[in-house]
PDB file of N, CA and C in Angstrom:
ATOM      1  N   MET A   1     129.009 106.360  84.444  1.00  0.00           N
ATOM      2  CA  MET A   1     127.983 105.708  83.657  1.00  0.00           C
ATOM      3  C   MET A   1     127.441 106.736  82.641  1.00  0.00           C
ATOM      4  N   ASP A   2     127.351 106.324  81.378  1.00  0.00           N
ATOM      5  CA  ASP A   2     126.861 107.261  80.374  1.00  0.00           C
ATOM      6  C   ASP A   2     125.329 107.332  80.391  1.00  0.00           C
ATOM      7  N   ILE A   3     124.792 108.367  79.785  1.00  0.00           N
ATOM      8  CA  ILE A   3     123.347 108.609  79.870  1.00  0.00           C
ATOM      9  C   ILE A   3     122.524 107.512  79.196  1.00  0.00           C
ATOM     10  N   PHE A   4     123.080 106.869  78.185  1.00  0.00           N
ATOM     11  CA  PHE A   4     122.330 105.815  77.498  1.00  0.00           C
ATOM     12  C   PHE A   4     122.195 104.569  78.371  1.00  0.00           C
ATOM     13  N   THR A   5     123.211 104.273  79.137  1.00  0.00           N
ATOM     14  CA  THR A   5     123.137 103.155  80.074  1.00  0.00           C
ATOM     15  C   THR A   5     122.107 103.443  81.152  1.00  0.00           C
ATOM     16  N   VAL A   6     122.095 104.670  81.628  1.00  0.00           N
ATOM     17  CA  VAL A   6     121.127 105.071  82.656  1.00  0.00           C
ATOM     18  C   VAL A   6     119.703 104.946  82.116  1.00  0.00           C
ATOM     19  N   LEU A   7     119.489 105.415  80.893  1.00  0.00           N
ATOM     20  CA  LEU A   7     118.144 105.414  80.305  1.00  0.00           C
ATOM     21  C   LEU A   7     117.705 104.058  79.776  1.00  0.00           C
ATOM     22  N   ALA A   8     118.608 103.099  79.719  1.00  0.00           N
ATOM     23  CA  ALA A   8     118.250 101.765  79.219  1.00  0.00           C
ATOM     24  C   ALA A   8     117.294 101.036  80.163  1.00  0.00           C
ATOM     25  N   GLU A   9     117.288 101.399  81.425  1.00  0.00           N
ATOM     26  CA  GLU A   9     116.444 100.744  82.421  1.00  0.00           C
ATOM     27  C   GLU A   9     115.033 101.344  82.371  1.00  0.00           C
ATOM     28  N   PRO A  10     114.004 100.545  82.060  1.00  0.00           N
ATOM     29  CA  PRO A  10     112.638 101.055  81.917  1.00  0.00           C
ATOM     30  C   PRO A  10     112.087 101.769  83.159  1.00  0.00           C
ATOM     31  N   THR A  11     112.423 101.285  84.333  1.00  0.00           N
ATOM     32  CA  THR A  11     111.918 101.926  85.551  1.00  0.00           C
ATOM     33  C   THR A  11     112.461 103.343  85.673  1.00  0.00           C
ATOM     34  N   ARG A  12     113.710 103.541  85.303  1.00  0.00           N
ATOM     35  CA  ARG A  12     114.283 104.893  85.360  1.00  0.00           C
ATOM     36  C   ARG A  12     113.588 105.824  84.388  1.00  0.00           C
ATOM     37  N   ARG A  13     113.246 105.318  83.221  1.00  0.00           N
ATOM     38  CA  ARG A  13     112.502 106.154  82.264  1.00  0.00           C
ATOM     39  C   ARG A  13     111.130 106.507  82.817  1.00  0.00           C
ATOM     40  N   GLU A  14     110.475 105.561  83.506  1.00  0.00           N
ATOM     41  CA  GLU A  14     109.178 105.840  84.137  1.00  0.00           C
ATOM     42  C   GLU A  14     109.310 106.924  85.200  1.00  0.00           C
ATOM     43  N   ILE A  15     110.382 106.870  85.972  1.00  0.00           N
ATOM     44  CA  ILE A  15     110.613 107.877  87.006  1.00  0.00           C
ATOM     45  C   ILE A  15     110.747 109.255  86.359  1.00  0.00           C
ATOM     46  N   LEU A  16     111.541 109.336  85.305  1.00  0.00           N
ATOM     47  CA  LEU A  16     111.733 110.619  84.624  1.00  0.00           C
ATOM     48  C   LEU A  16     110.417 111.136  84.047  1.00  0.00           C
ATOM     49  N   THR A  17     109.635 110.249  83.481  1.00  0.00           N
ATOM     50  CA  THR A  17     108.328 110.651  82.941  1.00  0.00           C
ATOM     51  C   THR A  17     107.427 111.162  84.056  1.00  0.00           C
ATOM     52  N   HIS A  18     107.428 110.479  85.177  1.00  0.00           N
ATOM     53  CA  HIS A  18     106.571 110.878  86.305  1.00  0.00           C
ATOM     54  C   HIS A  18     106.981 112.248  86.861  1.00  0.00           C
ATOM     55  N   LEU A  19     108.259 112.560  86.808  1.00  0.00           N
ATOM     56  CA  LEU A  19     108.740 113.811  87.382  1.00  0.00           C
ATOM     57  C   LEU A  19     108.606 115.014  86.442  1.00  0.00           C
ATOM     58  N   GLN A  20     108.085 114.813  85.252  1.00  0.00           N
ATOM     59  CA  GLN A  20     107.870 115.943  84.353  1.00  0.00           C
ATOM     60  C   GLN A  20     106.849 116.883  84.966  1.00  0.00           C
ATOM     61  N   GLY A  21     107.270 118.089  85.226  1.00  0.00           N
ATOM     62  CA  GLY A  21     106.351 119.100  85.729  1.00  0.00           C
ATOM     63  C   GLY A  21     106.051 119.047  87.215  1.00  0.00           C
ATOM     64  N   CYS A  22     106.712 118.159  87.954  1.00  0.00           N
ATOM     65  CA  CYS A  22     106.463 118.109  89.398  1.00  0.00           C
ATOM     66  C   CYS A  22     107.709 117.634  90.125  1.00  0.00           C
ATOM     67  N   SER A  23     107.705 117.808  91.406  1.00  0.00           N
ATOM     68  CA  SER A  23     108.745 117.296  92.288  1.00  0.00           C
ATOM     69  C   SER A  23     108.093 116.302  93.229  1.00  0.00           C
ATOM     70  N   CYS A  24     108.811 115.242  93.577  1.00  0.00           N
ATOM     71  CA  CYS A  24     108.235 114.196  94.428  1.00  0.00           C
ATOM     72  C   CYS A  24     109.253 113.653  95.408  1.00  0.00           C
ATOM     73  N   SER A  25     108.747 113.124  96.497  1.00  0.00           N
ATOM     74  CA  SER A  25     109.592 112.435  97.464  1.00  0.00           C
ATOM     75  C   SER A  25     109.790 110.989  97.012  1.00  0.00           C
ATOM     76  N   VAL A  26     110.708 110.310  97.653  1.00  0.00           N
ATOM     77  CA  VAL A  26     110.957 108.890  97.367  1.00  0.00           C
ATOM     78  C   VAL A  26     109.679 108.077  97.551  1.00  0.00           C
ATOM     79  N   ASN A  27     108.991 108.297  98.660  1.00  0.00           N
ATOM     80  CA  ASN A  27     107.773 107.530  98.935  1.00  0.00           C
ATOM     81  C   ASN A  27     106.673 107.813  97.921  1.00  0.00           C
ATOM     82  N   GLU A  28     106.511 109.069  97.511  1.00  0.00           N
ATOM     83  CA  GLU A  28     105.498 109.399  96.501  1.00  0.00           C
ATOM     84  C   GLU A  28     105.794 108.684  95.188  1.00  0.00           C
ATOM     85  N   LEU A  29     107.067 108.681  94.800  1.00  0.00           N
ATOM     86  CA  LEU A  29     107.445 107.994  93.563  1.00  0.00           C
ATOM     87  C   LEU A  29     107.248 106.482  93.683  1.00  0.00           C
ATOM     88  N   ALA A  30     107.657 105.919  94.812  1.00  0.00           N
ATOM     89  CA  ALA A  30     107.502 104.471  95.017  1.00  0.00           C
ATOM     90  C   ALA A  30     106.027 104.076  94.963  1.00  0.00           C
ATOM     91  N   ASP A  31     105.177 104.873  95.591  1.00  0.00           N
ATOM     92  CA  ASP A  31     103.734 104.583  95.556  1.00  0.00           C
ATOM     93  C   ASP A  31     103.180 104.712  94.139  1.00  0.00           C
ATOM     94  N   ALA A  32     103.560 105.768  93.438  1.00  0.00           N
ATOM     95  CA  ALA A  32     103.030 106.015  92.095  1.00  0.00           C
ATOM     96  C   ALA A  32     103.442 104.919  91.115  1.00  0.00           C
ATOM     97  N   LEU A  33     104.668 104.431  91.233  1.00  0.00           N
ATOM     98  CA  LEU A  33     105.157 103.420  90.301  1.00  0.00           C
ATOM     99  C   LEU A  33     105.036 101.998  90.842  1.00  0.00           C
ATOM    100  N   GLU A  34     104.479 101.888  92.056  1.00  0.00           N
ATOM    101  CA  GLU A  34     104.233 100.596  92.685  1.00  0.00           C
ATOM    102  C   GLU A  34     105.483  99.723  92.774  1.00  0.00           C
ATOM    103  N   ILE A  35     106.565 100.321  93.293  1.00  0.00           N
ATOM    104  CA  ILE A  35     107.779  99.567  93.578  1.00  0.00           C
ATOM    105  C   ILE A  35     108.209  99.875  95.010  1.00  0.00           C
ATOM    106  N   SER A  36     109.068  99.054  95.557  1.00  0.00           N
ATOM    107  CA  SER A  36     109.484  99.244  96.948  1.00  0.00           C
ATOM    108  C   SER A  36     110.341 100.502  97.098  1.00  0.00           C
ATOM    109  N   GLN A  37     110.331 101.039  98.297  1.00  0.00           N
ATOM    110  CA  GLN A  37     111.109 102.243  98.576  1.00  0.00           C
ATOM    111  C   GLN A  37     112.611 101.999  98.400  1.00  0.00           C
ATOM    112  N   PRO A  38     113.163 100.866  98.868  1.00  0.00           N
ATOM    113  CA  PRO A  38     114.599 100.633  98.652  1.00  0.00           C
ATOM    114  C   PRO A  38     114.978 100.551  97.165  1.00  0.00           C
ATOM    115  N   THR A  39     114.128  99.913  96.367  1.00  0.00           N
ATOM    116  CA  THR A  39     114.380  99.832  94.927  1.00  0.00           C
ATOM    117  C   THR A  39     114.314 101.219  94.302  1.00  0.00           C
ATOM    118  N   MET A  40     113.331 102.009  94.694  1.00  0.00           N
ATOM    119  CA  MET A  40     113.209 103.378  94.183  1.00  0.00           C
ATOM    120  C   MET A  40     114.443 104.189  94.540  1.00  0.00           C
ATOM    121  N   SER A  41     114.913 104.061  95.767  1.00  0.00           N
ATOM    122  CA  SER A  41     116.101 104.803  96.201  1.00  0.00           C
ATOM    123  C   SER A  41     117.321 104.460  95.350  1.00  0.00           C
ATOM    124  N   LYS A  42     117.475 103.197  94.993  1.00  0.00           N
ATOM    125  CA  LYS A  42     118.602 102.789  94.146  1.00  0.00           C
ATOM    126  C   LYS A  42     118.514 103.434  92.767  1.00  0.00           C
ATOM    127  N   HIS A  43     117.327 103.442  92.183  1.00  0.00           N
ATOM    128  CA  HIS A  43     117.155 104.067  90.872  1.00  0.00           C
ATOM    129  C   HIS A  43     117.386 105.580  90.952  1.00  0.00           C
ATOM    130  N   LEU A  44     116.899 106.197  92.007  1.00  0.00           N
ATOM    131  CA  LEU A  44     117.081 107.640  92.166  1.00  0.00           C
ATOM    132  C   LEU A  44     118.555 107.993  92.331  1.00  0.00           C
ATOM    133  N   LYS A  45     119.293 107.154  93.009  1.00  0.00           N
ATOM    134  CA  LYS A  45     120.731 107.398  93.178  1.00  0.00           C
ATOM    135  C   LYS A  45     121.432 107.387  91.819  1.00  0.00           C
ATOM    136  N   VAL A  46     121.119 106.416  90.986  1.00  0.00           N
ATOM    137  CA  VAL A  46     121.730 106.331  89.657  1.00  0.00           C
ATOM    138  C   VAL A  46     121.366 107.569  88.834  1.00  0.00           C
ATOM    139  N   LEU A  47     120.092 107.947  88.848  1.00  0.00           N
ATOM    140  CA  LEU A  47     119.647 109.111  88.089  1.00  0.00           C
ATOM    141  C   LEU A  47     120.288 110.402  88.606  1.00  0.00           C
ATOM    142  N   ARG A  48     120.432 110.510  89.907  1.00  0.00           N
ATOM    143  CA  ARG A  48     121.060 111.695  90.507  1.00  0.00           C
ATOM    144  C   ARG A  48     122.538 111.764  90.141  1.00  0.00           C
ATOM    145  N   GLU A  49     123.248 110.637  90.232  1.00  0.00           N
ATOM    146  CA  GLU A  49     124.672 110.606  89.890  1.00  0.00           C
ATOM    147  C   GLU A  49     124.916 110.907  88.416  1.00  0.00           C
ATOM    148  N   ALA A  50     123.953 110.555  87.556  1.00  0.00           N
ATOM    149  CA  ALA A  50     124.069 110.837  86.127  1.00  0.00           C
ATOM    150  C   ALA A  50     123.664 112.276  85.798  1.00  0.00           C
ATOM    151  N   GLY A  51     123.150 113.001  86.782  1.00  0.00           N
ATOM    152  CA  GLY A  51     122.786 114.400  86.575  1.00  0.00           C
ATOM    153  C   GLY A  51     121.357 114.638  86.143  1.00  0.00           C
ATOM    154  N   PHE A  52     120.563 113.577  86.010  1.00  0.00           N
ATOM    155  CA  PHE A  52     119.175 113.735  85.574  1.00  0.00           C
ATOM    156  C   PHE A  52     118.284 114.338  86.652  1.00  0.00           C
ATOM    157  N   LEU A  53     118.657 114.162  87.914  1.00  0.00           N
ATOM    158  CA  LEU A  53     117.844 114.648  89.025  1.00  0.00           C
ATOM    159  C   LEU A  53     118.681 115.474  89.987  1.00  0.00           C
ATOM    160  N   SER A  54     118.015 116.382  90.646  1.00  0.00           N
ATOM    161  CA  SER A  54     118.608 117.042  91.806  1.00  0.00           C
ATOM    162  C   SER A  54     117.690 116.759  92.981  1.00  0.00           C
ATOM    163  N   CYS A  55     118.224 116.975  94.159  1.00  0.00           N
ATOM    164  CA  CYS A  55     117.506 116.617  95.369  1.00  0.00           C
ATOM    165  C   CYS A  55     117.592 117.764  96.361  1.00  0.00           C
ATOM    166  N   SER A  56     116.467 118.084  96.967  1.00  0.00           N
ATOM    167  CA  SER A  56     116.450 119.077  98.038  1.00  0.00           C
ATOM    168  C   SER A  56     115.818 118.420  99.265  1.00  0.00           C
ATOM    169  N   VAL A  57     116.088 119.010 100.415  1.00  0.00           N
ATOM    170  CA  VAL A  57     115.577 118.455 101.658  1.00  0.00           C
ATOM    171  C   VAL A  57     114.461 119.348 102.181  1.00  0.00           C
ATOM    172  N   ALA A  58     113.327 118.729 102.481  1.00  0.00           N
ATOM    173  CA  ALA A  58     112.189 119.432 103.080  1.00  0.00           C
ATOM    174  C   ALA A  58     111.783 118.637 104.310  1.00  0.00           C
ATOM    175  N   ALA A  59     112.081 119.200 105.468  1.00  0.00           N
ATOM    176  CA  ALA A  59     111.857 118.505 106.744  1.00  0.00           C
ATOM    177  C   ALA A  59     112.667 117.212 106.730  1.00  0.00           C
ATOM    178  N   GLN A  60     112.010 116.066 106.802  1.00  0.00           N
ATOM    179  CA  GLN A  60     112.737 114.795 106.801  1.00  0.00           C
ATOM    180  C   GLN A  60     112.636 114.067 105.469  1.00  0.00           C
ATOM    181  N   GLN A  61     112.185 114.766 104.433  1.00  0.00           N
ATOM    182  CA  GLN A  61     112.030 114.137 103.124  1.00  0.00           C
ATOM    183  C   GLN A  61     113.027 114.711 102.132  1.00  0.00           C
ATOM    184  N   ARG A  62     113.428 113.864 101.204  1.00  0.00           N
ATOM    185  CA  ARG A  62     114.222 114.316 100.067  1.00  0.00           C
ATOM    186  C   ARG A  62     113.264 114.461  98.890  1.00  0.00           C
ATOM    187  N   ILE A  63     113.290 115.617  98.285  1.00  0.00           N
ATOM    188  CA  ILE A  63     112.401 115.911  97.163  1.00  0.00           C
ATOM    189  C   ILE A  63     113.244 115.936  95.884  1.00  0.00           C
ATOM    190  N   TYR A  64     112.813 115.168  94.891  1.00  0.00           N
ATOM    191  CA  TYR A  64     113.552 115.035  93.637  1.00  0.00           C
ATOM    192  C   TYR A  64     112.861 115.803  92.526  1.00  0.00           C
ATOM    193  N   GLN A  65     113.686 116.440  91.675  1.00  0.00           N
ATOM    194  CA  GLN A  65     113.177 117.145  90.507  1.00  0.00           C
ATOM    195  C   GLN A  65     114.144 116.939  89.341  1.00  0.00           C
ATOM    196  N   LEU A  66     113.637 117.105  88.138  1.00  0.00           N
ATOM    197  CA  LEU A  66     114.443 116.910  86.931  1.00  0.00           C
ATOM    198  C   LEU A  66     115.447 118.035  86.753  1.00  0.00           C
ATOM    199  N   GLU A  67     116.559 117.702  86.125  1.00  0.00           N
ATOM    200  CA  GLU A  67     117.569 118.674  85.712  1.00  0.00           C
ATOM    201  C   GLU A  67     117.659 118.632  84.191  1.00  0.00           C
ATOM    202  N   ALA A  68     117.820 119.766  83.566  1.00  0.00           N
ATOM    203  CA  ALA A  68     117.742 119.867  82.112  1.00  0.00           C
ATOM    204  C   ALA A  68     119.027 119.463  81.377  1.00  0.00           C
ATOM    205  N   ASP A  69     120.187 119.632  81.965  1.00  0.00           N
ATOM    206  CA  ASP A  69     121.449 119.445  81.240  1.00  0.00           C
ATOM    207  C   ASP A  69     121.605 118.090  80.547  1.00  0.00           C
ATOM    208  N   PRO A  70     121.350 116.963  81.198  1.00  0.00           N
ATOM    209  CA  PRO A  70     121.507 115.684  80.484  1.00  0.00           C
ATOM    210  C   PRO A  70     120.550 115.546  79.298  1.00  0.00           C
ATOM    211  N   PHE A  71     119.376 116.154  79.403  1.00  0.00           N
ATOM    212  CA  PHE A  71     118.416 116.089  78.295  1.00  0.00           C
ATOM    213  C   PHE A  71     118.906 116.935  77.112  1.00  0.00           C
ATOM    214  N   ARG A  72     119.560 118.048  77.410  1.00  0.00           N
ATOM    215  CA  ARG A  72     120.170 118.864  76.333  1.00  0.00           C
ATOM    216  C   ARG A  72     121.278 118.085  75.644  1.00  0.00           C
ATOM    217  N   GLU A  73     122.090 117.409  76.438  1.00  0.00           N
ATOM    218  CA  GLU A  73     123.164 116.575  75.893  1.00  0.00           C
ATOM    219  C   GLU A  73     122.599 115.502  74.970  1.00  0.00           C
ATOM    220  N   LEU A  74     121.540 114.878  75.398  1.00  0.00           N
ATOM    221  CA  LEU A  74     120.871 113.853  74.616  1.00  0.00           C
ATOM    222  C   LEU A  74     120.292 114.432  73.324  1.00  0.00           C
ATOM    223  N   ALA A  75     119.690 115.599  73.415  1.00  0.00           N
ATOM    224  CA  ALA A  75     119.109 116.260  72.229  1.00  0.00           C
ATOM    225  C   ALA A  75     120.194 116.599  71.203  1.00  0.00           C
ATOM    226  N   VAL A  76     121.345 117.037  71.665  1.00  0.00           N
ATOM    227  CA  VAL A  76     122.464 117.344  70.757  1.00  0.00           C
ATOM    228  C   VAL A  76     122.907 116.079  70.050  1.00  0.00           C
ATOM    229  N   TRP A  77     123.006 114.989  70.788  1.00  0.00           N
ATOM    230  CA  TRP A  77     123.427 113.733  70.195  1.00  0.00           C
ATOM    231  C   TRP A  77     122.431 113.252  69.140  1.00  0.00           C
ATOM    232  N   LEU A  78     121.144 113.390  69.460  1.00  0.00           N
ATOM    233  CA  LEU A  78     120.106 112.952  68.523  1.00  0.00           C
ATOM    234  C   LEU A  78     120.097 113.828  67.290  1.00  0.00           C
TER     235      LEU A  78
END
């Protein structure tokens, strides 16, 4: 999936905006954006597979943070 297809979905753009400057768990993101945890997980999977996010494990939580490379690719295109 190309980066433009990934970014076409408004909820995914909201997730990326929310993660600027912080790292969050699935539940924190779901609460902040007021969507269900399963729906959030699906969006996070797409963003992770496209390279926009990385994930680390802290205890029993997955913590998501932004990755810069896809944004650089986008900036070059623009």
